[in-house]
């Protein structure tokens, strides 16, 4: 967490799972599926780091829901 200050809100009324999800994916080799976009893709982001930013820095595969559906060959 020291490497990615501001990833979580220390004043949030509940525990935020972002750090645990990224850590689990890093340990297991799984991908993180998120709807978040990186800070670089946002105009004036309120935070410096989002899940995709942390995943990229830690070499963790990060995809969105559409990519998951394509990878798993879901059809409807």
C-alpha atoms as a PDB file:
ATOM      1  CA  UNK A   1       0.000   0.000   0.000  1.00  0.00           C
ATOM      2  CA  UNK A   2       2.953   2.314   0.482  1.00  0.00           C
ATOM      3  CA  UNK A   3       3.747   2.030  -3.224  1.00  0.00           C
ATOM      4  CA  UNK A   4       0.216   3.095  -4.231  1.00  0.00           C
ATOM      5  CA  UNK A   5      -0.952   5.813  -1.846  1.00  0.00           C
ATOM      6  CA  UNK A   6      -4.545   6.845  -2.275  1.00  0.00           C
ATOM      7  CA  UNK A   7      -5.675   3.567  -3.791  1.00  0.00           C
ATOM      8  CA  UNK A   8      -8.058   3.153  -0.897  1.00  0.00           C
ATOM      9  CA  UNK A   9      -9.916   5.731   1.137  1.00  0.00           C
ATOM     10  CA  UNK A  10      -8.777   5.506   4.764  1.00  0.00           C
ATOM     11  CA  UNK A  11     -11.998   7.261   5.814  1.00  0.00           C
ATOM     12  CA  UNK A  12     -14.356   4.861   4.035  1.00  0.00           C
ATOM     13  CA  UNK A  13     -17.001   3.437   6.376  1.00  0.00           C
ATOM     14  CA  UNK A  14     -16.255  -0.087   5.119  1.00  0.00           C
ATOM     15  CA  UNK A  15     -13.159  -2.033   4.168  1.00  0.00           C
ATOM     16  CA  UNK A  16     -12.361  -1.676   0.488  1.00  0.00           C
ATOM     17  CA  UNK A  17     -11.452  -4.946  -1.223  1.00  0.00           C
ATOM     18  CA  UNK A  18      -9.350  -3.560  -4.098  1.00  0.00           C
ATOM     19  CA  UNK A  19      -6.003  -4.298  -2.488  1.00  0.00           C
ATOM     20  CA  UNK A  20      -7.061  -7.831  -1.526  1.00  0.00           C
ATOM     21  CA  UNK A  21      -8.355  -8.617  -5.024  1.00  0.00           C
ATOM     22  CA  UNK A  22      -5.103  -7.483  -6.655  1.00  0.00           C
ATOM     23  CA  UNK A  23      -3.016  -9.381  -4.082  1.00  0.00           C
ATOM     24  CA  UNK A  24      -5.013 -12.582  -4.610  1.00  0.00           C
ATOM     25  CA  UNK A  25      -4.696 -12.319  -8.388  1.00  0.00           C
ATOM     26  CA  UNK A  26      -0.967 -11.718  -8.104  1.00  0.00           C
ATOM     27  CA  UNK A  27      -0.496 -14.718  -5.844  1.00  0.00           C
ATOM     28  CA  UNK A  28      -2.677 -17.117  -7.837  1.00  0.00           C
ATOM     29  CA  UNK A  29      -1.973 -15.887 -11.363  1.00  0.00           C
ATOM     30  CA  UNK A  30      -5.648 -15.145 -11.985  1.00  0.00           C
ATOM     31  CA  UNK A  31      -6.843 -12.064 -13.842  1.00  0.00           C
ATOM     32  CA  UNK A  32      -8.641  -9.189 -12.159  1.00  0.00           C
ATOM     33  CA  UNK A  33     -11.977  -8.343 -13.755  1.00  0.00           C
ATOM     34  CA  UNK A  34     -13.027  -4.738 -13.166  1.00  0.00           C
ATOM     35  CA  UNK A  35     -15.083  -1.976 -14.709  1.00  0.00           C
ATOM     36  CA  UNK A  36     -12.605   0.663 -13.534  1.00  0.00           C
ATOM     37  CA  UNK A  37     -10.402   2.516 -15.977  1.00  0.00           C
ATOM     38  CA  UNK A  38      -6.869   3.655 -15.272  1.00  0.00           C
ATOM     39  CA  UNK A  39      -6.092   7.098 -13.921  1.00  0.00           C
ATOM     40  CA  UNK A  40      -4.395   7.912 -17.222  1.00  0.00           C
ATOM     41  CA  UNK A  41      -7.680   7.355 -19.075  1.00  0.00           C
ATOM     42  CA  UNK A  42      -9.582   9.832 -16.884  1.00  0.00           C
ATOM     43  CA  UNK A  43      -9.719  13.596 -16.975  1.00  0.00           C
ATOM     44  CA  UNK A  44      -8.650  14.989 -13.613  1.00  0.00           C
ATOM     45  CA  UNK A  45      -8.994  11.744 -11.670  1.00  0.00           C
ATOM     46  CA  UNK A  46      -9.720  12.170  -7.970  1.00  0.00           C
ATOM     47  CA  UNK A  47      -7.193   9.431  -7.191  1.00  0.00           C
ATOM     48  CA  UNK A  48      -3.772   8.674  -8.589  1.00  0.00           C
ATOM     49  CA  UNK A  49      -4.189   4.891  -8.669  1.00  0.00           C
ATOM     50  CA  UNK A  50      -7.032   2.634  -9.703  1.00  0.00           C
ATOM     51  CA  UNK A  51      -7.129  -1.157 -10.006  1.00  0.00           C
ATOM     52  CA  UNK A  52      -5.821  -1.196 -13.626  1.00  0.00           C
ATOM     53  CA  UNK A  53      -2.892   1.050 -12.674  1.00  0.00           C
ATOM     54  CA  UNK A  54      -1.856  -1.158  -9.767  1.00  0.00           C
ATOM     55  CA  UNK A  55      -2.294  -4.335 -11.815  1.00  0.00           C
ATOM     56  CA  UNK A  56      -0.116  -2.947 -14.586  1.00  0.00           C
ATOM     57  CA  UNK A  57       2.610  -1.948 -12.133  1.00  0.00           C
ATOM     58  CA  UNK A  58       2.560  -5.404 -10.530  1.00  0.00           C
ATOM     59  CA  UNK A  59       2.301  -7.391 -13.797  1.00  0.00           C
ATOM     60  CA  UNK A  60      -1.171  -8.683 -12.949  1.00  0.00           C
ATOM     61  CA  UNK A  61      -3.543  -9.346 -15.846  1.00  0.00           C
ATOM     62  CA  UNK A  62      -6.491  -6.924 -15.633  1.00  0.00           C
ATOM     63  CA  UNK A  63      -9.510  -7.163 -17.938  1.00  0.00           C
ATOM     64  CA  UNK A  64     -13.029  -5.805 -18.122  1.00  0.00           C
ATOM     65  CA  UNK A  65     -16.255  -7.813 -18.214  1.00  0.00           C
ATOM     66  CA  UNK A  66     -16.498  -7.726 -22.018  1.00  0.00           C
ATOM     67  CA  UNK A  67     -12.974  -9.144 -22.314  1.00  0.00           C
ATOM     68  CA  UNK A  68     -13.891 -11.888 -19.839  1.00  0.00           C
ATOM     69  CA  UNK A  69     -16.938 -12.840 -21.918  1.00  0.00           C
ATOM     70  CA  UNK A  70     -14.837 -12.925 -25.092  1.00  0.00           C
ATOM     71  CA  UNK A  71     -12.038 -14.932 -23.460  1.00  0.00           C
ATOM     72  CA  UNK A  72     -14.518 -17.465 -22.082  1.00  0.00           C
ATOM     73  CA  UNK A  73     -16.479 -17.543 -25.371  1.00  0.00           C
ATOM     74  CA  UNK A  74     -19.786 -16.736 -23.725  1.00  0.00           C
ATOM     75  CA  UNK A  75     -22.779 -16.519 -26.024  1.00  0.00           C
ATOM     76  CA  UNK A  76     -26.328 -15.402 -25.447  1.00  0.00           C
END
